[in-house]
Amino acid sequence: MKIGSTDALLVIDPQNDFCEGGGLAVAGGAGLMPGINRLAERFAKVIVTQDWHTPDQISFASNHDGATPFTEIEVAYGRQMLWPDHCIQGSPGADFHPDVAPTVRRAVAVIRKGYNPAVDSYSGFFENDHRTPTGLSGLLRDLGVTCVFLCGLAYDYCVRFTAEDAVREGFEVVVISDASRAIAPQSEAAARDSFRAMGVAEIEAADLSDGV
């Protein structure tokens, strides 16, 4: 698959809290960063997303008496998974992993999400109410992008929801599987099923070739 002038790389949440030792660590997260840098060097348009929560974020189990992480509650916009505290604004955990600094420097924009305490946000396009946009769709269209390639953390949540919303917004979507990692096998399988159903292509980094 060739990288073209209307393609963009979306690097999803390459942050300390999603890497080993972080508040919501994904196994193998830190090890993705060198490969993501190599990918970013090949794209003219790179956009990075960043989880950016307040301490009173509705999705933190610590904000609900007696609740434990990785259980669900009902909120105004539907079912919501409860998470350990992570990516709190201005905290070291919310910072980008130091090994991905070259990619962040290349980025034309950083899209912060999840800053509304009353609504969690997985997707780079919309908060979890599926109504509040981040501005990513308009930015991509202004840049002339028609196809987005996704990588980052975590495959089964923020990568998945960003990919699904990208399809709904009319973009061609490709997930680079070996540049992403999942939180759990069951949700990883569900994401893969969703991608097949929605026409999201999955490739490995080695499948990419530079355009002419």
N, C-alpha and C. Protein backbone atom coordinates (compact mmCIF):
# COMPACT_ATOMS: atom_id res chain seq x y z
N MET A 1 0.85 -1.19 0.00
CA MET A 1 0.00 0.00 0.00
C MET A 1 0.88 1.24 0.00
N LYS A 2 0.64 2.12 -0.97
CA LYS A 2 1.47 3.31 -1.10
C LYS A 2 0.93 4.47 -0.26
N ILE A 3 1.85 5.23 0.30
CA ILE A 3 1.51 6.45 1.02
C ILE A 3 1.41 7.58 0.00
N GLY A 4 0.25 8.26 -0.03
CA GLY A 4 0.02 9.32 -1.00
C GLY A 4 -0.09 10.70 -0.36
N SER A 5 -0.25 11.68 -1.21
CA SER A 5 -0.29 13.08 -0.75
C SER A 5 -1.57 13.42 -0.01
N THR A 6 -2.60 12.59 -0.16
CA THR A 6 -3.86 12.85 0.55
C THR A 6 -4.02 11.94 1.77
N ASP A 7 -2.93 11.33 2.21
CA ASP A 7 -2.95 10.46 3.38
C ASP A 7 -2.42 11.20 4.60
N ALA A 8 -2.90 10.82 5.77
CA ALA A 8 -2.39 11.36 7.03
C ALA A 8 -2.20 10.22 8.02
N LEU A 9 -1.23 10.37 8.88
CA LEU A 9 -1.00 9.43 9.98
C LEU A 9 -1.57 10.02 11.25
N LEU A 10 -2.49 9.29 11.89
CA LEU A 10 -3.03 9.68 13.19
C LEU A 10 -2.37 8.82 14.26
N VAL A 11 -1.61 9.44 15.13
CA VAL A 11 -0.92 8.74 16.21
C VAL A 11 -1.76 8.93 17.47
N ILE A 12 -2.32 7.84 17.97
CA ILE A 12 -3.31 7.92 19.03
C ILE A 12 -2.66 7.76 20.41
N ASP A 13 -2.72 8.81 21.19
CA ASP A 13 -2.40 8.81 22.64
C ASP A 13 -1.09 8.11 23.01
N PRO A 14 0.04 8.53 22.44
CA PRO A 14 1.32 7.91 22.80
C PRO A 14 1.87 8.52 24.10
N GLN A 15 1.15 8.31 25.20
CA GLN A 15 1.39 9.02 26.45
C GLN A 15 1.94 8.09 27.52
N ASN A 16 2.60 8.69 28.50
CA ASN A 16 3.25 7.91 29.55
C ASN A 16 2.28 7.01 30.31
N ASP A 17 1.08 7.48 30.59
CA ASP A 17 0.15 6.68 31.38
C ASP A 17 -0.33 5.44 30.65
N PHE A 18 -0.17 5.39 29.34
CA PHE A 18 -0.56 4.20 28.58
C PHE A 18 0.62 3.27 28.33
N CYS A 19 1.78 3.61 28.89
CA CYS A 19 2.97 2.78 28.75
C CYS A 19 3.32 2.16 30.09
N GLU A 20 4.23 1.24 30.08
CA GLU A 20 4.61 0.52 31.28
C GLU A 20 4.92 1.48 32.41
N GLY A 21 4.35 1.20 33.58
CA GLY A 21 4.52 2.07 34.73
C GLY A 21 3.50 3.17 34.85
N GLY A 22 2.65 3.32 33.84
CA GLY A 22 1.65 4.39 33.85
C GLY A 22 0.36 3.97 34.52
N GLY A 23 -0.54 4.93 34.68
CA GLY A 23 -1.80 4.71 35.38
C GLY A 23 -2.72 3.73 34.69
N LEU A 24 -2.64 3.63 33.37
CA LEU A 24 -3.46 2.70 32.59
C LEU A 24 -2.56 2.06 31.53
N ALA A 25 -1.58 1.32 32.02
CA ALA A 25 -0.52 0.80 31.16
C ALA A 25 -1.03 -0.26 30.19
N VAL A 26 -0.57 -0.19 28.96
CA VAL A 26 -0.84 -1.19 27.93
C VAL A 26 0.46 -1.96 27.70
N ALA A 27 0.41 -3.27 27.84
CA ALA A 27 1.62 -4.08 27.68
C ALA A 27 2.25 -3.84 26.31
N GLY A 28 3.54 -3.52 26.31
CA GLY A 28 4.24 -3.27 25.07
C GLY A 28 4.09 -1.87 24.53
N GLY A 29 3.44 -0.99 25.28
CA GLY A 29 3.19 0.35 24.78
C GLY A 29 4.45 1.13 24.47
N ALA A 30 5.39 1.15 25.40
CA ALA A 30 6.61 1.93 25.19
C ALA A 30 7.40 1.43 23.99
N GLY A 31 7.34 0.12 23.76
CA GLY A 31 8.11 -0.45 22.65
C GLY A 31 7.62 -0.04 21.28
N LEU A 32 6.41 0.53 21.20
CA LEU A 32 5.89 1.00 19.91
C LEU A 32 6.55 2.28 19.42
N MET A 33 7.10 3.06 20.34
CA MET A 33 7.47 4.44 20.00
C MET A 33 8.53 4.54 18.90
N PRO A 34 9.60 3.75 18.89
CA PRO A 34 10.56 3.86 17.78
C PRO A 34 9.93 3.56 16.42
N GLY A 35 9.06 2.55 16.37
CA GLY A 35 8.39 2.24 15.11
C GLY A 35 7.44 3.33 14.67
N ILE A 36 6.76 3.97 15.62
CA ILE A 36 5.88 5.09 15.28
C ILE A 36 6.70 6.24 14.71
N ASN A 37 7.86 6.49 15.28
CA ASN A 37 8.73 7.54 14.72
C ASN A 37 9.10 7.25 13.28
N ARG A 38 9.43 6.00 12.99
CA ARG A 38 9.80 5.65 11.62
C ARG A 38 8.61 5.82 10.67
N LEU A 39 7.43 5.47 11.15
CA LEU A 39 6.24 5.69 10.33
C LEU A 39 6.01 7.17 10.07
N ALA A 40 6.11 7.98 11.11
CA ALA A 40 5.82 9.41 10.99
C ALA A 40 6.75 10.09 9.99
N GLU A 41 7.98 9.61 9.89
CA GLU A 41 8.94 10.21 8.95
C GLU A 41 8.47 10.06 7.50
N ARG A 42 7.59 9.10 7.26
CA ARG A 42 7.18 8.80 5.89
C ARG A 42 5.92 9.53 5.46
N PHE A 43 5.24 10.18 6.41
CA PHE A 43 4.00 10.89 6.10
C PHE A 43 4.23 12.40 6.13
N ALA A 44 3.66 13.08 5.13
CA ALA A 44 3.75 14.55 5.11
C ALA A 44 2.83 15.18 6.14
N LYS A 45 1.77 14.46 6.50
CA LYS A 45 0.79 15.00 7.44
C LYS A 45 0.66 14.03 8.62
N VAL A 46 1.02 14.50 9.81
CA VAL A 46 0.95 13.70 11.02
C VAL A 46 0.16 14.49 12.07
N ILE A 47 -0.80 13.83 12.70
CA ILE A 47 -1.59 14.44 13.77
C ILE A 47 -1.55 13.49 14.97
N VAL A 48 -1.36 14.04 16.14
CA VAL A 48 -1.26 13.26 17.37
C VAL A 48 -2.45 13.61 18.26
N THR A 49 -3.06 12.59 18.88
CA THR A 49 -4.11 12.86 19.86
C THR A 49 -3.55 12.70 21.27
N GLN A 50 -4.20 13.35 22.23
CA GLN A 50 -3.72 13.36 23.61
C GLN A 50 -4.91 13.35 24.57
N ASP A 51 -5.01 12.28 25.37
CA ASP A 51 -5.98 12.27 26.46
C ASP A 51 -5.62 13.39 27.44
N TRP A 52 -6.65 14.13 27.90
CA TRP A 52 -6.37 15.36 28.68
C TRP A 52 -7.48 15.55 29.70
N HIS A 53 -7.46 14.71 30.75
CA HIS A 53 -8.56 14.64 31.70
C HIS A 53 -8.37 15.58 32.89
N THR A 54 -9.50 16.02 33.45
CA THR A 54 -9.51 16.69 34.74
C THR A 54 -9.59 15.63 35.84
N PRO A 55 -9.18 15.96 37.07
CA PRO A 55 -9.21 14.96 38.14
C PRO A 55 -10.61 14.42 38.43
N ASP A 56 -11.65 15.20 38.12
CA ASP A 56 -13.02 14.76 38.40
C ASP A 56 -13.68 14.12 37.19
N GLN A 57 -12.90 13.58 36.29
CA GLN A 57 -13.42 12.92 35.09
C GLN A 57 -14.40 11.81 35.48
N ILE A 58 -15.55 11.79 34.79
CA ILE A 58 -16.63 10.86 35.10
C ILE A 58 -16.21 9.40 34.94
N SER A 59 -15.20 9.14 34.11
CA SER A 59 -14.80 7.76 33.83
C SER A 59 -13.79 7.21 34.82
N PHE A 60 -13.37 8.01 35.81
CA PHE A 60 -12.43 7.52 36.81
C PHE A 60 -13.18 6.78 37.92
N ALA A 61 -12.81 5.55 38.16
CA ALA A 61 -13.46 4.78 39.22
C ALA A 61 -13.33 5.47 40.57
N SER A 62 -12.25 6.21 40.77
CA SER A 62 -12.02 6.89 42.04
C SER A 62 -13.06 7.96 42.34
N ASN A 63 -13.81 8.38 41.32
CA ASN A 63 -14.83 9.40 41.52
C ASN A 63 -16.22 8.83 41.79
N HIS A 64 -16.29 7.51 41.99
CA HIS A 64 -17.57 6.85 42.26
C HIS A 64 -17.40 5.95 43.48
N ASP A 65 -18.12 6.24 44.53
CA ASP A 65 -17.98 5.50 45.78
C ASP A 65 -18.18 4.00 45.56
N GLY A 66 -17.23 3.23 46.02
CA GLY A 66 -17.34 1.78 45.96
C GLY A 66 -17.08 1.16 44.61
N ALA A 67 -16.78 1.98 43.59
CA ALA A 67 -16.57 1.45 42.24
C ALA A 67 -15.13 0.97 42.08
N THR A 68 -14.95 0.03 41.18
CA THR A 68 -13.62 -0.47 40.87
C THR A 68 -13.34 -0.29 39.38
N PRO A 69 -12.08 -0.10 39.02
CA PRO A 69 -11.74 0.02 37.60
C PRO A 69 -12.15 -1.21 36.81
N PHE A 70 -12.44 -0.97 35.53
CA PHE A 70 -12.80 -2.00 34.56
C PHE A 70 -14.17 -2.60 34.83
N THR A 71 -15.04 -1.82 35.48
CA THR A 71 -16.46 -2.12 35.56
C THR A 71 -17.20 -1.00 34.84
N GLU A 72 -18.47 -1.22 34.53
CA GLU A 72 -19.24 -0.23 33.79
C GLU A 72 -20.34 0.37 34.65
N ILE A 73 -20.66 1.63 34.33
CA ILE A 73 -21.80 2.30 34.93
C ILE A 73 -22.64 2.92 33.82
N GLU A 74 -23.85 3.32 34.19
CA GLU A 74 -24.73 4.01 33.25
C GLU A 74 -24.59 5.51 33.49
N VAL A 75 -24.33 6.26 32.42
CA VAL A 75 -24.25 7.72 32.51
C VAL A 75 -25.21 8.32 31.49
N ALA A 76 -25.24 9.63 31.39
CA ALA A 76 -26.24 10.29 30.55
C ALA A 76 -26.15 9.87 29.09
N TYR A 77 -24.96 9.54 28.62
CA TYR A 77 -24.79 9.20 27.21
C TYR A 77 -24.69 7.69 26.97
N GLY A 78 -24.95 6.87 28.00
CA GLY A 78 -24.94 5.42 27.82
C GLY A 78 -24.01 4.72 28.79
N ARG A 79 -23.53 3.54 28.41
CA ARG A 79 -22.63 2.77 29.24
C ARG A 79 -21.23 3.36 29.19
N GLN A 80 -20.59 3.40 30.35
CA GLN A 80 -19.25 3.98 30.44
C GLN A 80 -18.36 3.06 31.27
N MET A 81 -17.23 2.65 30.69
CA MET A 81 -16.23 1.90 31.43
C MET A 81 -15.56 2.82 32.44
N LEU A 82 -15.29 2.28 33.63
CA LEU A 82 -14.56 3.02 34.64
C LEU A 82 -13.08 2.61 34.59
N TRP A 83 -12.23 3.62 34.67
CA TRP A 83 -10.80 3.42 34.49
C TRP A 83 -10.02 3.86 35.73
N PRO A 84 -8.80 3.36 35.89
CA PRO A 84 -7.90 4.00 36.86
C PRO A 84 -7.64 5.45 36.44
N ASP A 85 -7.31 6.29 37.40
CA ASP A 85 -6.96 7.68 37.06
C ASP A 85 -5.80 7.67 36.07
N HIS A 86 -5.90 8.49 35.02
CA HIS A 86 -4.83 8.53 34.02
C HIS A 86 -4.91 9.83 33.23
N CYS A 87 -3.79 10.23 32.70
CA CYS A 87 -3.68 11.37 31.78
C CYS A 87 -4.35 12.62 32.33
N ILE A 88 -4.07 12.93 33.59
CA ILE A 88 -4.62 14.13 34.21
C ILE A 88 -3.84 15.35 33.71
N GLN A 89 -4.57 16.37 33.34
CA GLN A 89 -3.99 17.56 32.73
C GLN A 89 -2.76 18.05 33.50
N GLY A 90 -1.65 18.22 32.79
CA GLY A 90 -0.45 18.76 33.39
C GLY A 90 0.39 17.78 34.17
N SER A 91 -0.06 16.54 34.28
CA SER A 91 0.67 15.54 35.05
C SER A 91 1.71 14.86 34.16
N PRO A 92 2.75 14.26 34.76
CA PRO A 92 3.72 13.51 33.96
C PRO A 92 3.08 12.39 33.15
N GLY A 93 2.03 11.77 33.70
CA GLY A 93 1.36 10.69 32.99
C GLY A 93 0.68 11.14 31.71
N ALA A 94 0.27 12.40 31.67
CA ALA A 94 -0.38 12.93 30.46
C ALA A 94 0.62 13.34 29.40
N ASP A 95 1.90 13.46 29.79
CA ASP A 95 2.92 13.85 28.81
C ASP A 95 3.11 12.76 27.77
N PHE A 96 3.55 13.17 26.59
CA PHE A 96 3.90 12.19 25.58
C PHE A 96 5.14 11.42 26.02
N HIS A 97 5.16 10.14 25.69
CA HIS A 97 6.32 9.32 26.03
C HIS A 97 7.57 9.95 25.40
N PRO A 98 8.66 10.05 26.14
CA PRO A 98 9.84 10.74 25.61
C PRO A 98 10.37 10.13 24.32
N ASP A 99 10.18 8.83 24.12
CA ASP A 99 10.71 8.19 22.92
C ASP A 99 9.94 8.54 21.66
N VAL A 100 8.78 9.19 21.81
CA VAL A 100 8.00 9.56 20.62
C VAL A 100 8.15 11.06 20.31
N ALA A 101 9.08 11.72 20.96
CA ALA A 101 9.29 13.16 20.75
C ALA A 101 9.49 13.54 19.28
N PRO A 102 10.24 12.78 18.48
CA PRO A 102 10.39 13.17 17.07
C PRO A 102 9.06 13.23 16.32
N THR A 103 8.15 12.32 16.64
CA THR A 103 6.84 12.34 15.99
C THR A 103 6.03 13.55 16.42
N VAL A 104 6.05 13.87 17.69
CA VAL A 104 5.31 15.04 18.18
C VAL A 104 5.84 16.31 17.53
N ARG A 105 7.14 16.39 17.35
CA ARG A 105 7.71 17.58 16.69
C ARG A 105 7.26 17.68 15.24
N ARG A 106 7.03 16.55 14.58
CA ARG A 106 6.59 16.56 13.18
C ARG A 106 5.11 16.89 13.03
N ALA A 107 4.35 16.71 14.09
CA ALA A 107 2.90 16.81 13.99
C ALA A 107 2.44 18.21 13.57
N VAL A 108 1.46 18.26 12.67
CA VAL A 108 0.87 19.54 12.29
C VAL A 108 -0.12 20.01 13.34
N ALA A 109 -0.59 19.08 14.20
CA ALA A 109 -1.53 19.45 15.26
C ALA A 109 -1.55 18.37 16.33
N VAL A 110 -1.87 18.78 17.55
CA VAL A 110 -2.17 17.87 18.65
C VAL A 110 -3.63 18.08 19.03
N ILE A 111 -4.41 17.02 18.97
CA ILE A 111 -5.84 17.09 19.29
C ILE A 111 -6.03 16.57 20.72
N ARG A 112 -6.39 17.45 21.63
CA ARG A 112 -6.65 17.04 23.00
C ARG A 112 -8.11 16.63 23.15
N LYS A 113 -8.34 15.56 23.92
CA LYS A 113 -9.68 15.02 24.06
C LYS A 113 -9.91 14.57 25.50
N GLY A 114 -11.19 14.49 25.88
CA GLY A 114 -11.52 14.03 27.22
C GLY A 114 -11.36 15.08 28.29
N TYR A 115 -11.33 16.35 27.90
CA TYR A 115 -11.13 17.42 28.89
C TYR A 115 -12.43 17.86 29.56
N ASN A 116 -13.58 17.40 29.03
CA ASN A 116 -14.87 17.67 29.68
C ASN A 116 -15.07 16.65 30.80
N PRO A 117 -15.14 17.07 32.06
CA PRO A 117 -15.24 16.09 33.15
C PRO A 117 -16.49 15.23 33.10
N ALA A 118 -17.53 15.70 32.40
CA ALA A 118 -18.81 14.98 32.38
C ALA A 118 -18.90 13.97 31.25
N VAL A 119 -17.91 13.94 30.35
CA VAL A 119 -17.96 13.05 29.19
C VAL A 119 -16.56 12.51 28.92
N ASP A 120 -16.43 11.19 28.86
CA ASP A 120 -15.15 10.61 28.48
C ASP A 120 -14.98 10.74 26.96
N SER A 121 -13.79 10.48 26.47
CA SER A 121 -13.55 10.58 25.04
C SER A 121 -12.51 9.56 24.62
N TYR A 122 -12.92 8.60 23.81
CA TYR A 122 -11.98 7.64 23.22
C TYR A 122 -11.55 8.12 21.83
N SER A 123 -12.52 8.51 21.03
CA SER A 123 -12.27 8.86 19.64
C SER A 123 -11.55 10.19 19.50
N GLY A 124 -10.69 10.28 18.50
CA GLY A 124 -10.08 11.55 18.17
C GLY A 124 -11.03 12.51 17.48
N PHE A 125 -12.20 12.02 17.08
CA PHE A 125 -13.17 12.84 16.35
C PHE A 125 -14.30 13.37 17.24
N PHE A 126 -14.80 12.54 18.16
CA PHE A 126 -15.94 12.92 18.99
C PHE A 126 -15.75 12.42 20.41
N GLU A 127 -16.32 13.15 21.36
CA GLU A 127 -16.38 12.64 22.72
C GLU A 127 -17.38 11.48 22.77
N ASN A 128 -17.44 10.80 23.90
CA ASN A 128 -18.26 9.59 23.99
C ASN A 128 -19.76 9.83 23.93
N ASP A 129 -20.17 11.09 23.95
CA ASP A 129 -21.59 11.37 23.70
C ASP A 129 -21.93 11.27 22.22
N HIS A 130 -20.90 11.11 21.38
CA HIS A 130 -21.04 10.98 19.93
C HIS A 130 -21.64 12.22 19.28
N ARG A 131 -21.62 13.33 20.01
CA ARG A 131 -22.16 14.58 19.48
C ARG A 131 -21.13 15.72 19.51
N THR A 132 -20.24 15.71 20.48
CA THR A 132 -19.31 16.82 20.66
C THR A 132 -18.04 16.57 19.85
N PRO A 133 -17.81 17.39 18.79
CA PRO A 133 -16.64 17.14 17.94
C PRO A 133 -15.37 17.75 18.53
N THR A 134 -14.24 17.18 18.13
CA THR A 134 -12.94 17.70 18.54
C THR A 134 -12.36 18.70 17.54
N GLY A 135 -12.91 18.73 16.34
CA GLY A 135 -12.37 19.56 15.27
C GLY A 135 -11.45 18.80 14.33
N LEU A 136 -11.20 17.52 14.62
CA LEU A 136 -10.26 16.75 13.79
C LEU A 136 -10.77 16.58 12.36
N SER A 137 -12.05 16.32 12.22
CA SER A 137 -12.59 16.08 10.88
C SER A 137 -12.39 17.30 9.98
N GLY A 138 -12.71 18.47 10.50
CA GLY A 138 -12.53 19.69 9.71
C GLY A 138 -11.08 19.95 9.38
N LEU A 139 -10.20 19.69 10.33
CA LEU A 139 -8.77 19.88 10.09
C LEU A 139 -8.30 18.97 8.97
N LEU A 140 -8.67 17.70 9.02
CA LEU A 140 -8.26 16.78 7.96
C LEU A 140 -8.76 17.23 6.59
N ARG A 141 -9.99 17.68 6.53
CA ARG A 141 -10.52 18.14 5.24
C ARG A 141 -9.79 19.38 4.77
N ASP A 142 -9.48 20.30 5.68
CA ASP A 142 -8.71 21.49 5.31
C ASP A 142 -7.33 21.12 4.76
N LEU A 143 -6.77 20.01 5.26
CA LEU A 143 -5.46 19.55 4.80
C LEU A 143 -5.54 18.72 3.53
N GLY A 144 -6.76 18.49 3.04
CA GLY A 144 -6.92 17.71 1.82
C GLY A 144 -6.78 16.21 2.01
N VAL A 145 -6.99 15.75 3.23
CA VAL A 145 -6.81 14.33 3.54
C VAL A 145 -8.07 13.54 3.17
N THR A 146 -7.87 12.40 2.52
CA THR A 146 -8.99 11.51 2.21
C THR A 146 -8.83 10.14 2.86
N CYS A 147 -7.61 9.80 3.28
CA CYS A 147 -7.35 8.51 3.91
C CYS A 147 -6.51 8.71 5.16
N VAL A 148 -6.91 8.06 6.25
CA VAL A 148 -6.16 8.16 7.50
C VAL A 148 -5.60 6.79 7.88
N PHE A 149 -4.35 6.79 8.30
CA PHE A 149 -3.68 5.62 8.84
C PHE A 149 -3.56 5.82 10.34
N LEU A 150 -3.94 4.80 11.12
CA LEU A 150 -3.95 4.93 12.57
C LEU A 150 -2.96 4.00 13.21
N CYS A 151 -2.34 4.47 14.29
CA CYS A 151 -1.51 3.64 15.14
C CYS A 151 -1.53 4.22 16.54
N GLY A 152 -1.06 3.45 17.53
CA GLY A 152 -0.96 3.98 18.88
C GLY A 152 -1.69 3.15 19.91
N LEU A 153 -2.20 3.86 20.94
CA LEU A 153 -2.73 3.21 22.14
C LEU A 153 -4.11 3.76 22.51
N ALA A 154 -4.99 2.90 22.86
CA ALA A 154 -4.88 1.46 22.76
C ALA A 154 -5.74 0.99 21.57
N TYR A 155 -5.29 -0.08 20.95
CA TYR A 155 -5.94 -0.61 19.76
C TYR A 155 -7.43 -0.83 19.96
N ASP A 156 -7.82 -1.36 21.12
CA ASP A 156 -9.20 -1.79 21.34
C ASP A 156 -10.11 -0.69 21.88
N TYR A 157 -9.58 0.48 22.14
CA TYR A 157 -10.42 1.58 22.61
C TYR A 157 -10.20 2.83 21.76
N CYS A 158 -9.19 3.60 22.04
CA CYS A 158 -9.06 4.89 21.35
C CYS A 158 -8.71 4.75 19.88
N VAL A 159 -7.89 3.75 19.52
CA VAL A 159 -7.66 3.51 18.10
C VAL A 159 -8.95 3.04 17.44
N ARG A 160 -9.63 2.10 18.08
CA ARG A 160 -10.87 1.57 17.51
C ARG A 160 -11.91 2.66 17.29
N PHE A 161 -12.20 3.45 18.31
CA PHE A 161 -13.26 4.44 18.19
C PHE A 161 -12.89 5.55 17.22
N THR A 162 -11.62 5.88 17.14
CA THR A 162 -11.18 6.87 16.16
C THR A 162 -11.36 6.33 14.75
N ALA A 163 -11.01 5.06 14.55
CA ALA A 163 -11.17 4.45 13.22
C ALA A 163 -12.63 4.40 12.81
N GLU A 164 -13.49 4.00 13.74
CA GLU A 164 -14.91 3.90 13.42
C GLU A 164 -15.50 5.27 13.07
N ASP A 165 -15.14 6.29 13.83
CA ASP A 165 -15.65 7.62 13.53
C ASP A 165 -15.08 8.16 12.23
N ALA A 166 -13.84 7.80 11.92
CA ALA A 166 -13.26 8.23 10.64
C ALA A 166 -14.06 7.68 9.47
N VAL A 167 -14.48 6.41 9.58
CA VAL A 167 -15.32 5.84 8.53
C VAL A 167 -16.62 6.62 8.42
N ARG A 168 -17.25 6.88 9.56
CA ARG A 168 -18.52 7.61 9.55
C ARG A 168 -18.37 9.02 8.98
N GLU A 169 -17.18 9.59 9.13
CA GLU A 169 -16.92 10.94 8.61
C GLU A 169 -16.52 10.92 7.14
N GLY A 170 -16.46 9.74 6.54
CA GLY A 170 -16.24 9.64 5.11
C GLY A 170 -14.80 9.44 4.67
N PHE A 171 -13.91 9.11 5.59
CA PHE A 171 -12.52 8.88 5.25
C PHE A 171 -12.28 7.39 4.99
N GLU A 172 -11.34 7.10 4.11
CA GLU A 172 -10.80 5.75 4.02
C GLU A 172 -9.92 5.55 5.24
N VAL A 173 -9.96 4.35 5.82
CA VAL A 173 -9.28 4.13 7.10
C VAL A 173 -8.43 2.87 7.06
N VAL A 174 -7.21 3.01 7.53
CA VAL A 174 -6.27 1.89 7.61
C VAL A 174 -5.66 1.89 9.01
N VAL A 175 -5.72 0.76 9.69
CA VAL A 175 -5.08 0.60 11.00
C VAL A 175 -3.78 -0.18 10.81
N ILE A 176 -2.69 0.36 11.35
CA ILE A 176 -1.40 -0.31 11.28
C ILE A 176 -1.27 -1.16 12.55
N SER A 177 -1.56 -2.43 12.41
CA SER A 177 -1.77 -3.30 13.57
C SER A 177 -0.52 -3.46 14.43
N ASP A 178 0.64 -3.61 13.79
CA ASP A 178 1.84 -3.85 14.59
C ASP A 178 2.43 -2.57 15.17
N ALA A 179 1.77 -1.44 14.94
CA ALA A 179 2.14 -0.18 15.59
C ALA A 179 1.08 0.24 16.59
N SER A 180 0.29 -0.74 17.06
CA SER A 180 -0.77 -0.52 18.04
C SER A 180 -0.73 -1.68 19.04
N ARG A 181 -1.24 -1.43 20.24
CA ARG A 181 -1.35 -2.48 21.24
C ARG A 181 -2.70 -2.35 21.95
N ALA A 182 -3.25 -3.50 22.38
CA ALA A 182 -4.57 -3.54 23.00
C ALA A 182 -4.47 -3.70 24.51
N ILE A 183 -5.55 -3.32 25.19
CA ILE A 183 -5.63 -3.48 26.64
C ILE A 183 -5.95 -4.92 27.01
N ALA A 184 -6.88 -5.55 26.28
CA ALA A 184 -7.34 -6.88 26.68
C ALA A 184 -7.71 -7.70 25.45
N PRO A 185 -7.49 -9.03 25.48
CA PRO A 185 -7.77 -9.87 24.31
C PRO A 185 -9.22 -9.82 23.85
N GLN A 186 -10.17 -9.80 24.79
CA GLN A 186 -11.58 -9.83 24.39
C GLN A 186 -11.97 -8.57 23.63
N SER A 187 -11.56 -7.41 24.14
CA SER A 187 -11.89 -6.16 23.44
C SER A 187 -11.06 -6.00 22.18
N GLU A 188 -9.88 -6.61 22.13
CA GLU A 188 -9.10 -6.60 20.90
C GLU A 188 -9.82 -7.36 19.79
N ALA A 189 -10.38 -8.51 20.15
CA ALA A 189 -11.13 -9.30 19.17
C ALA A 189 -12.38 -8.55 18.70
N ALA A 190 -13.05 -7.86 19.62
CA ALA A 190 -14.23 -7.09 19.25
C ALA A 190 -13.87 -5.95 18.30
N ALA A 191 -12.73 -5.31 18.53
CA ALA A 191 -12.29 -4.24 17.64
C ALA A 191 -12.01 -4.78 16.25
N ARG A 192 -11.35 -5.93 16.19
CA ARG A 192 -11.03 -6.52 14.88
C ARG A 192 -12.30 -6.88 14.12
N ASP A 193 -13.30 -7.42 14.83
CA ASP A 193 -14.57 -7.74 14.18
C ASP A 193 -15.24 -6.47 13.66
N SER A 194 -15.19 -5.41 14.46
CA SER A 194 -15.79 -4.14 14.04
C SER A 194 -15.10 -3.60 12.79
N PHE A 195 -13.77 -3.68 12.77
CA PHE A 195 -13.04 -3.18 11.60
C PHE A 195 -13.46 -3.93 10.34
N ARG A 196 -13.58 -5.23 10.44
CA ARG A 196 -13.99 -6.01 9.26
C ARG A 196 -15.39 -5.60 8.81
N ALA A 197 -16.29 -5.41 9.77
CA ALA A 197 -17.67 -5.05 9.43
C ALA A 197 -17.77 -3.67 8.80
N MET A 198 -16.90 -2.75 9.21
CA MET A 198 -16.98 -1.37 8.75
C MET A 198 -16.07 -1.06 7.56
N GLY A 199 -15.31 -2.05 7.13
CA GLY A 199 -14.44 -1.83 5.99
C GLY A 199 -13.13 -1.14 6.31
N VAL A 200 -12.72 -1.21 7.57
CA VAL A 200 -11.42 -0.67 7.97
C VAL A 200 -10.34 -1.69 7.60
N ALA A 201 -9.36 -1.26 6.83
CA ALA A 201 -8.27 -2.15 6.45
C ALA A 201 -7.26 -2.26 7.59
N GLU A 202 -6.67 -3.43 7.74
CA GLU A 202 -5.58 -3.61 8.70
C GLU A 202 -4.34 -4.09 7.95
N ILE A 203 -3.23 -3.44 8.22
CA ILE A 203 -1.97 -3.80 7.60
C ILE A 203 -0.88 -3.76 8.66
N GLU A 204 0.31 -4.19 8.28
CA GLU A 204 1.49 -4.02 9.11
C GLU A 204 2.38 -2.96 8.47
N ALA A 205 3.26 -2.40 9.26
CA ALA A 205 4.11 -1.30 8.77
C ALA A 205 4.89 -1.71 7.54
N ALA A 206 5.30 -2.98 7.47
CA ALA A 206 6.07 -3.45 6.33
C ALA A 206 5.27 -3.46 5.03
N ASP A 207 3.95 -3.38 5.12
CA ASP A 207 3.10 -3.36 3.94
C ASP A 207 3.05 -2.01 3.26
N LEU A 208 3.61 -0.98 3.91
CA LEU A 208 3.57 0.38 3.37
C LEU A 208 4.76 0.63 2.46
N SER A 209 4.50 1.32 1.37
CA SER A 209 5.58 1.80 0.50
C SER A 209 5.36 3.27 0.23
N ASP A 210 6.44 3.99 0.03
CA ASP A 210 6.33 5.43 -0.22
C ASP A 210 5.77 5.66 -1.61
N GLY A 211 4.92 6.69 -1.73
CA GLY A 211 4.33 7.02 -3.01
C GLY A 211 5.34 7.59 -3.99
N VAL A 212 4.95 7.56 -5.25
CA VAL A 212 5.83 8.09 -6.30
C VAL A 212 5.67 9.59 -6.39
